[in-house]
C-alpha atoms as a PDB file:
ATOM      1  CA  TYR A   1      85.718 115.445 117.589  1.00  0.00           C
ATOM      2  CA  ASP A   2      85.396 113.694 120.967  1.00  0.00           C
ATOM      3  CA  VAL A   3      86.587 115.748 123.965  1.00  0.00           C
ATOM      4  CA  GLY A   4      86.052 113.932 127.264  1.00  0.00           C
ATOM      5  CA  GLY A   5      83.040 112.042 125.905  1.00  0.00           C
ATOM      6  CA  GLU A   6      81.488 115.181 124.412  1.00  0.00           C
ATOM      7  CA  GLN A   7      81.253 115.769 120.646  1.00  0.00           C
ATOM      8  CA  ARG A   8      82.717 119.101 119.468  1.00  0.00           C
ATOM      9  CA  THR A   9      82.659 120.609 115.999  1.00  0.00           C
ATOM     10  CA  LEU A  10      86.134 121.357 114.674  1.00  0.00           C
ATOM     11  CA  ARG A  11      86.320 124.969 113.595  1.00  0.00           C
ATOM     12  CA  TRP A  12      88.866 127.762 113.665  1.00  0.00           C
ATOM     13  CA  PRO A  13      88.542 130.642 116.134  1.00  0.00           C
ATOM     14  CA  ALA A  14      87.790 134.148 114.858  1.00  0.00           C
ATOM     15  CA  GLY A  15      90.525 135.811 112.857  1.00  0.00           C
ATOM     16  CA  PRO A  16      92.347 134.677 109.776  1.00  0.00           C
ATOM     17  CA  VAL A  17      93.541 131.090 109.479  1.00  0.00           C
ATOM     18  CA  HIS A  18      97.278 131.329 108.735  1.00  0.00           C
ATOM     19  CA  TYR A  19      98.854 128.891 106.290  1.00  0.00           C
ATOM     20  CA  TYR A  20     102.250 128.139 104.754  1.00  0.00           C
ATOM     21  CA  VAL A  21     103.194 126.491 101.463  1.00  0.00           C
ATOM     22  CA  THR A  22     106.112 124.090 101.154  1.00  0.00           C
ATOM     23  CA  ALA A  23     108.678 125.480  98.729  1.00  0.00           C
ATOM     24  CA  SER A  24     108.864 122.422  96.504  1.00  0.00           C
ATOM     25  CA  ALA A  25     107.902 121.632  92.937  1.00  0.00           C
ATOM     26  CA  VAL A  26     106.766 118.626  90.929  1.00  0.00           C
ATOM     27  CA  PRO A  27     106.823 118.113  87.156  1.00  0.00           C
ATOM     28  CA  GLY A  28     104.401 120.636  85.673  1.00  0.00           C
ATOM     29  CA  VAL A  29     103.945 122.696  88.886  1.00  0.00           C
ATOM     30  CA  SER A  30     106.502 125.099  90.363  1.00  0.00           C
ATOM     31  CA  ALA A  31     106.439 126.166  94.025  1.00  0.00           C
ATOM     32  CA  THR A  32     105.030 129.546  92.964  1.00  0.00           C
ATOM     33  CA  GLN A  33     102.292 127.867  90.918  1.00  0.00           C
ATOM     34  CA  LEU A  34     101.461 125.655  93.910  1.00  0.00           C
ATOM     35  CA  GLN A  35     101.104 128.768  96.082  1.00  0.00           C
ATOM     36  CA  GLN A  36      98.928 130.501  93.473  1.00  0.00           C
ATOM     37  CA  ALA A  37      96.644 127.474  93.025  1.00  0.00           C
ATOM     38  CA  VAL A  38      96.072 126.987  96.745  1.00  0.00           C
ATOM     39  CA  GLY A  39      95.688 130.752  97.156  1.00  0.00           C
ATOM     40  CA  ALA A  40      92.892 130.746  94.568  1.00  0.00           C
ATOM     41  CA  ALA A  41      91.257 127.802  96.357  1.00  0.00           C
ATOM     42  CA  PHE A  42      91.405 129.586  99.724  1.00  0.00           C
ATOM     43  CA  THR A  43      89.885 132.674  98.077  1.00  0.00           C
ATOM     44  CA  SER A  44      86.910 130.616  96.828  1.00  0.00           C
ATOM     45  CA  TRP A  45      86.034 129.674 100.407  1.00  0.00           C
ATOM     46  CA  GLN A  46      86.795 133.116 101.834  1.00  0.00           C
ATOM     47  CA  ASN A  47      84.492 134.732  99.264  1.00  0.00           C
ATOM     48  CA  VAL A  48      81.393 132.837 100.421  1.00  0.00           C
ATOM     49  CA  PRO A  49      79.173 135.865 101.145  1.00  0.00           C
ATOM     50  CA  THR A  50      77.262 134.200 103.993  1.00  0.00           C
ATOM     51  CA  ALA A  51      80.367 132.921 105.821  1.00  0.00           C
ATOM     52  CA  SER A  52      82.865 134.796 107.961  1.00  0.00           C
ATOM     53  CA  ILE A  53      86.078 132.775 107.567  1.00  0.00           C
ATOM     54  CA  ALA A  54      89.323 134.396 106.394  1.00  0.00           C
ATOM     55  CA  TYR A  55      92.711 132.963 105.468  1.00  0.00           C
ATOM     56  CA  SER A  56      96.169 134.518 105.405  1.00  0.00           C
ATOM     57  CA  TYR A  57      99.164 133.253 103.428  1.00  0.00           C
ATOM     58  CA  MET A  58     102.274 133.480 105.626  1.00  0.00           C
ATOM     59  CA  GLY A  59     104.919 132.501 103.061  1.00  0.00           C
ATOM     60  CA  PHE A  60     106.961 129.579 101.819  1.00  0.00           C
ATOM     61  CA  THR A  61     108.485 127.081 104.236  1.00  0.00           C
ATOM     62  CA  ALA A  62     110.967 124.227 104.105  1.00  0.00           C
ATOM     63  CA  ASP A  63     108.674 122.284 106.468  1.00  0.00           C
ATOM     64  CA  LEU A  64     106.570 119.452 105.102  1.00  0.00           C
ATOM     65  CA  PRO A  65     102.884 118.818 105.703  1.00  0.00           C
ATOM     66  CA  GLY A  66     102.311 116.328 108.508  1.00  0.00           C
ATOM     67  CA  GLU A  67     104.905 117.749 110.886  1.00  0.00           C
ATOM     68  CA  ASP A  68     103.306 118.598 114.238  1.00  0.00           C
ATOM     69  CA  ASP A  69     104.675 122.127 114.404  1.00  0.00           C
ATOM     70  CA  GLY A  70     101.525 124.142 115.117  1.00  0.00           C
ATOM     71  CA  ARG A  71     101.482 125.570 111.574  1.00  0.00           C
ATOM     72  CA  ASN A  72      99.045 124.851 108.760  1.00  0.00           C
ATOM     73  CA  THR A  73     101.237 123.628 105.908  1.00  0.00           C
ATOM     74  CA  LEU A  74     100.278 122.637 102.356  1.00  0.00           C
ATOM     75  CA  GLY A  75     102.666 120.917  99.988  1.00  0.00           C
ATOM     76  CA  PHE A  76     103.646 117.913  97.922  1.00  0.00           C
ATOM     77  CA  LEU A  77     104.704 114.574  99.422  1.00  0.00           C
ATOM     78  CA  ASP A  78     105.632 111.468  97.475  1.00  0.00           C
ATOM     79  CA  ALA A  79     103.332 108.657  98.632  1.00  0.00           C
ATOM     80  CA  PRO A  80     103.221 106.044  95.828  1.00  0.00           C
ATOM     81  CA  ASP A  81     101.845 103.435  98.252  1.00  0.00           C
ATOM     82  CA  LEU A  82      98.673 105.573  98.512  1.00  0.00           C
ATOM     83  CA  ASP A  83      97.755 104.852  94.915  1.00  0.00           C
ATOM     84  CA  ARG A  84      94.143 106.062  95.275  1.00  0.00           C
ATOM     85  CA  VAL A  85      94.843 109.140  97.424  1.00  0.00           C
ATOM     86  CA  LEU A  86      95.380 112.360  95.482  1.00  0.00           C
ATOM     87  CA  ALA A  87      95.596 114.471  98.638  1.00  0.00           C
ATOM     88  CA  SER A  88      94.814 114.278 102.317  1.00  0.00           C
ATOM     89  CA  THR A  89      94.107 116.653 105.189  1.00  0.00           C
ATOM     90  CA  SER A  90      95.271 115.941 108.724  1.00  0.00           C
ATOM     91  CA  PHE A  91      94.460 117.664 112.017  1.00  0.00           C
ATOM     92  CA  LEU A  92      96.227 118.239 115.306  1.00  0.00           C
ATOM     93  CA  VAL A  93      93.657 118.817 118.061  1.00  0.00           C
ATOM     94  CA  ASP A  94      94.108 119.538 121.773  1.00  0.00           C
ATOM     95  CA  ASP A  95      92.519 116.486 123.431  1.00  0.00           C
ATOM     96  CA  ALA A  96      91.691 118.434 126.594  1.00  0.00           C
ATOM     97  CA  THR A  97      90.001 121.483 125.051  1.00  0.00           C
ATOM     98  CA  GLY A  98      89.032 120.359 121.537  1.00  0.00           C
ATOM     99  CA  GLU A  99      90.918 123.366 120.156  1.00  0.00           C
ATOM    100  CA  LEU A 100      92.099 122.972 116.573  1.00  0.00           C
ATOM    101  CA  ILE A 101      95.871 123.512 116.661  1.00  0.00           C
ATOM    102  CA  GLU A 102      96.855 122.847 113.054  1.00  0.00           C
ATOM    103  CA  SER A 103      95.703 121.254 109.835  1.00  0.00           C
ATOM    104  CA  ASP A 104      98.073 120.156 107.077  1.00  0.00           C
ATOM    105  CA  ILE A 105      97.331 119.171 103.500  1.00  0.00           C
ATOM    106  CA  PHE A 106      99.577 117.008 101.345  1.00  0.00           C
ATOM    107  CA  PHE A 107      99.198 116.549  97.605  1.00  0.00           C
ATOM    108  CA  ASN A 108     100.502 113.170  96.457  1.00  0.00           C
ATOM    109  CA  SER A 109     103.352 113.816  94.007  1.00  0.00           C
ATOM    110  CA  ALA A 110     103.031 110.230  92.763  1.00  0.00           C
ATOM    111  CA  PHE A 111     100.228 111.614  90.555  1.00  0.00           C
ATOM    112  CA  PRO A 112     100.680 114.020  87.607  1.00  0.00           C
ATOM    113  CA  TRP A 113      99.484 117.568  88.450  1.00  0.00           C
ATOM    114  CA  SER A 114      98.481 120.621  86.442  1.00  0.00           C
ATOM    115  CA  VAL A 115      97.636 124.269  87.021  1.00  0.00           C
ATOM    116  CA  ALA A 116      96.522 124.924  83.425  1.00  0.00           C
ATOM    117  CA  ALA A 117      93.530 127.277  83.242  1.00  0.00           C
ATOM    118  CA  LYS A 118      91.435 124.777  81.278  1.00  0.00           C
ATOM    119  CA  GLY A 119      93.032 121.630  82.689  1.00  0.00           C
ATOM    120  CA  GLU A 120      95.328 119.103  81.038  1.00  0.00           C
ATOM    121  CA  SER A 121      94.356 115.638  79.890  1.00  0.00           C
ATOM    122  CA  GLY A 122      95.805 112.978  82.160  1.00  0.00           C
ATOM    123  CA  ARG A 123      96.825 115.457  84.893  1.00  0.00           C
ATOM    124  CA  TRP A 124      94.962 116.287  88.101  1.00  0.00           C
ATOM    125  CA  ASP A 125      93.895 119.884  88.563  1.00  0.00           C
ATOM    126  CA  LEU A 126      95.683 121.206  91.634  1.00  0.00           C
ATOM    127  CA  GLN A 127      93.232 124.038  92.331  1.00  0.00           C
ATOM    128  CA  SER A 128      90.220 121.681  92.229  1.00  0.00           C
ATOM    129  CA  ILE A 129      91.785 119.197  94.633  1.00  0.00           C
ATOM    130  CA  ALA A 130      93.026 122.037  96.874  1.00  0.00           C
ATOM    131  CA  THR A 131      89.517 123.508  97.022  1.00  0.00           C
ATOM    132  CA  HIS A 132      88.179 120.171  98.282  1.00  0.00           C
ATOM    133  CA  GLU A 133      90.965 119.705 100.837  1.00  0.00           C
ATOM    134  CA  ILE A 134      90.676 123.297 102.118  1.00  0.00           C
ATOM    135  CA  GLY A 135      87.022 122.530 102.795  1.00  0.00           C
ATOM    136  CA  HIS A 136      88.304 119.783 105.118  1.00  0.00           C
ATOM    137  CA  LEU A 137      90.952 122.086 106.635  1.00  0.00           C
ATOM    138  CA  SER A 138      88.104 124.484 107.443  1.00  0.00           C
ATOM    139  CA  GLY A 139      86.098 121.758 109.179  1.00  0.00           C
ATOM    140  CA  LEU A 140      83.802 120.370 106.484  1.00  0.00           C
ATOM    141  CA  GLY A 141      83.267 116.650 105.978  1.00  0.00           C
ATOM    142  CA  HIS A 142      82.309 114.836 102.790  1.00  0.00           C
ATOM    143  CA  SER A 143      78.988 115.376 101.046  1.00  0.00           C
ATOM    144  CA  ALA A 144      76.867 112.556  99.640  1.00  0.00           C
ATOM    145  CA  ILE A 145      75.510 114.708  96.803  1.00  0.00           C
ATOM    146  CA  GLY A 146      76.777 112.910  93.718  1.00  0.00           C
ATOM    147  CA  GLU A 147      76.674 109.610  91.891  1.00  0.00           C
ATOM    148  CA  THR A 148      79.311 106.985  91.051  1.00  0.00           C
ATOM    149  CA  ASP A 149      79.542 103.512  89.581  1.00  0.00           C
ATOM    150  CA  LEU A 150      82.138 100.763  89.909  1.00  0.00           C
ATOM    151  CA  SER A 151      84.955 101.058  87.363  1.00  0.00           C
ATOM    152  CA  SER A 152      86.734  98.137  85.691  1.00  0.00           C
ATOM    153  CA  THR A 153      89.814  98.748  87.893  1.00  0.00           C
ATOM    154  CA  GLY A 154      87.819  98.274  91.110  1.00  0.00           C
ATOM    155  CA  GLY A 155      87.591 101.963  91.998  1.00  0.00           C
ATOM    156  CA  ARG A 156      84.647 104.295  91.681  1.00  0.00           C
ATOM    157  CA  ARG A 157      83.968 106.441  88.612  1.00  0.00           C
ATOM    158  CA  VAL A 158      82.167 109.735  89.169  1.00  0.00           C
ATOM    159  CA  LEU A 159      79.019 110.138  87.083  1.00  0.00           C
ATOM    160  CA  SER A 160      77.906 113.428  88.621  1.00  0.00           C
ATOM    161  CA  THR A 161      78.570 115.632  91.630  1.00  0.00           C
ATOM    162  CA  GLY A 162      76.597 118.393  93.222  1.00  0.00           C
ATOM    163  CA  THR A 163      79.349 119.577  95.536  1.00  0.00           C
ATOM    164  CA  VAL A 164      83.099 120.177  95.760  1.00  0.00           C
ATOM    165  CA  MET A 165      83.052 118.150  98.999  1.00  0.00           C
ATOM    166  CA  PHE A 166      81.995 114.942  97.221  1.00  0.00           C
ATOM    167  CA  PRO A 167      84.542 112.299  98.345  1.00  0.00           C
ATOM    168  CA  ILE A 168      85.704 111.212  94.880  1.00  0.00           C
ATOM    169  CA  ALA A 169      87.471 113.480  92.370  1.00  0.00           C
ATOM    170  CA  SER A 170      85.788 114.063  89.006  1.00  0.00           C
ATOM    171  CA  GLY A 171      88.741 112.932  86.902  1.00  0.00           C
ATOM    172  CA  ALA A 172      92.116 113.973  85.575  1.00  0.00           C
ATOM    173  CA  GLY A 173      91.876 117.152  83.498  1.00  0.00           C
ATOM    174  CA  ASP A 174      88.579 118.270  85.048  1.00  0.00           C
ATOM    175  CA  VAL A 175      88.542 121.834  86.470  1.00  0.00           C
ATOM    176  CA  SER A 176      84.826 122.054  87.343  1.00  0.00           C
ATOM    177  CA  MET A 177      85.480 121.493  91.043  1.00  0.00           C
ATOM    178  CA  ARG A 178      87.229 124.855  91.340  1.00  0.00           C
ATOM    179  CA  THR A 179      83.743 126.351  91.744  1.00  0.00           C
ATOM    180  CA  LEU A 180      81.809 125.920  94.995  1.00  0.00           C
ATOM    181  CA  ARG A 181      78.261 124.576  94.824  1.00  0.00           C
ATOM    182  CA  ALA A 182      75.208 125.298  96.989  1.00  0.00           C
ATOM    183  CA  ASP A 183      75.925 122.483  99.467  1.00  0.00           C
ATOM    184  CA  ASP A 184      79.529 123.659  99.938  1.00  0.00           C
ATOM    185  CA  ILE A 185      78.359 127.221 100.553  1.00  0.00           C
ATOM    186  CA  ALA A 186      75.689 126.056 103.000  1.00  0.00           C
ATOM    187  CA  GLY A 187      78.215 123.964 104.949  1.00  0.00           C
ATOM    188  CA  MET A 188      80.750 126.781 105.272  1.00  0.00           C
ATOM    189  CA  SER A 189      77.999 129.241 106.196  1.00  0.00           C
ATOM    190  CA  ASP A 190      76.790 126.876 108.913  1.00  0.00           C
ATOM    191  CA  LEU A 191      80.301 126.508 110.410  1.00  0.00           C
ATOM    192  CA  TYR A 192      81.186 130.211 110.140  1.00  0.00           C
ATOM    193  CA  PRO A 193      77.933 132.199 109.919  1.00  0.00           C
ATOM    194  CA  ASP A 194      78.304 135.798 108.841  1.00  0.00           C
ATOM    195  CA  GLY A 195      76.256 137.796 111.316  1.00  0.00           C
ATOM    196  CA  GLY A 196      73.238 135.489 111.099  1.00  0.00           C
END
């Protein structure tokens, strides 16, 4: 992030990163299931043994992601015009200091979602997508470790990935991206090293 012509790495200060979950549901996912799926995704990142980041769930909120309220909020928003965006992470940064003030994540309710343990055909796995987006919330960018080809619809089809932070989701029903890979772990450990 550019602060007065100087590049700064976006990262959270020491202490737990607090987050809220919007108390809303979509077909196939209740508000409680949303909270549990994102909680499991946060735990994946927090459990990186060589990183020192921690997260703390602060409760449900009526607020929506994208409101500049100083709180990290995750929830569903209906954005049918974003027909290739499953989810997105936004940041609010102090332009003078480069301090990260908040980061919100919205999951596009225009897509069908699932929290099934083994996934559901035709539905996007919420925990997998949340794991990717929480990597962004924590300060990670996309990884180039993976391979795609052009699909018949003009989009990209994933052939293989070596990281959760690959920029294109594996596919509806796939739950493999719930598990962090070596590149994800290295990135988080670089941003938040655990005692060297």
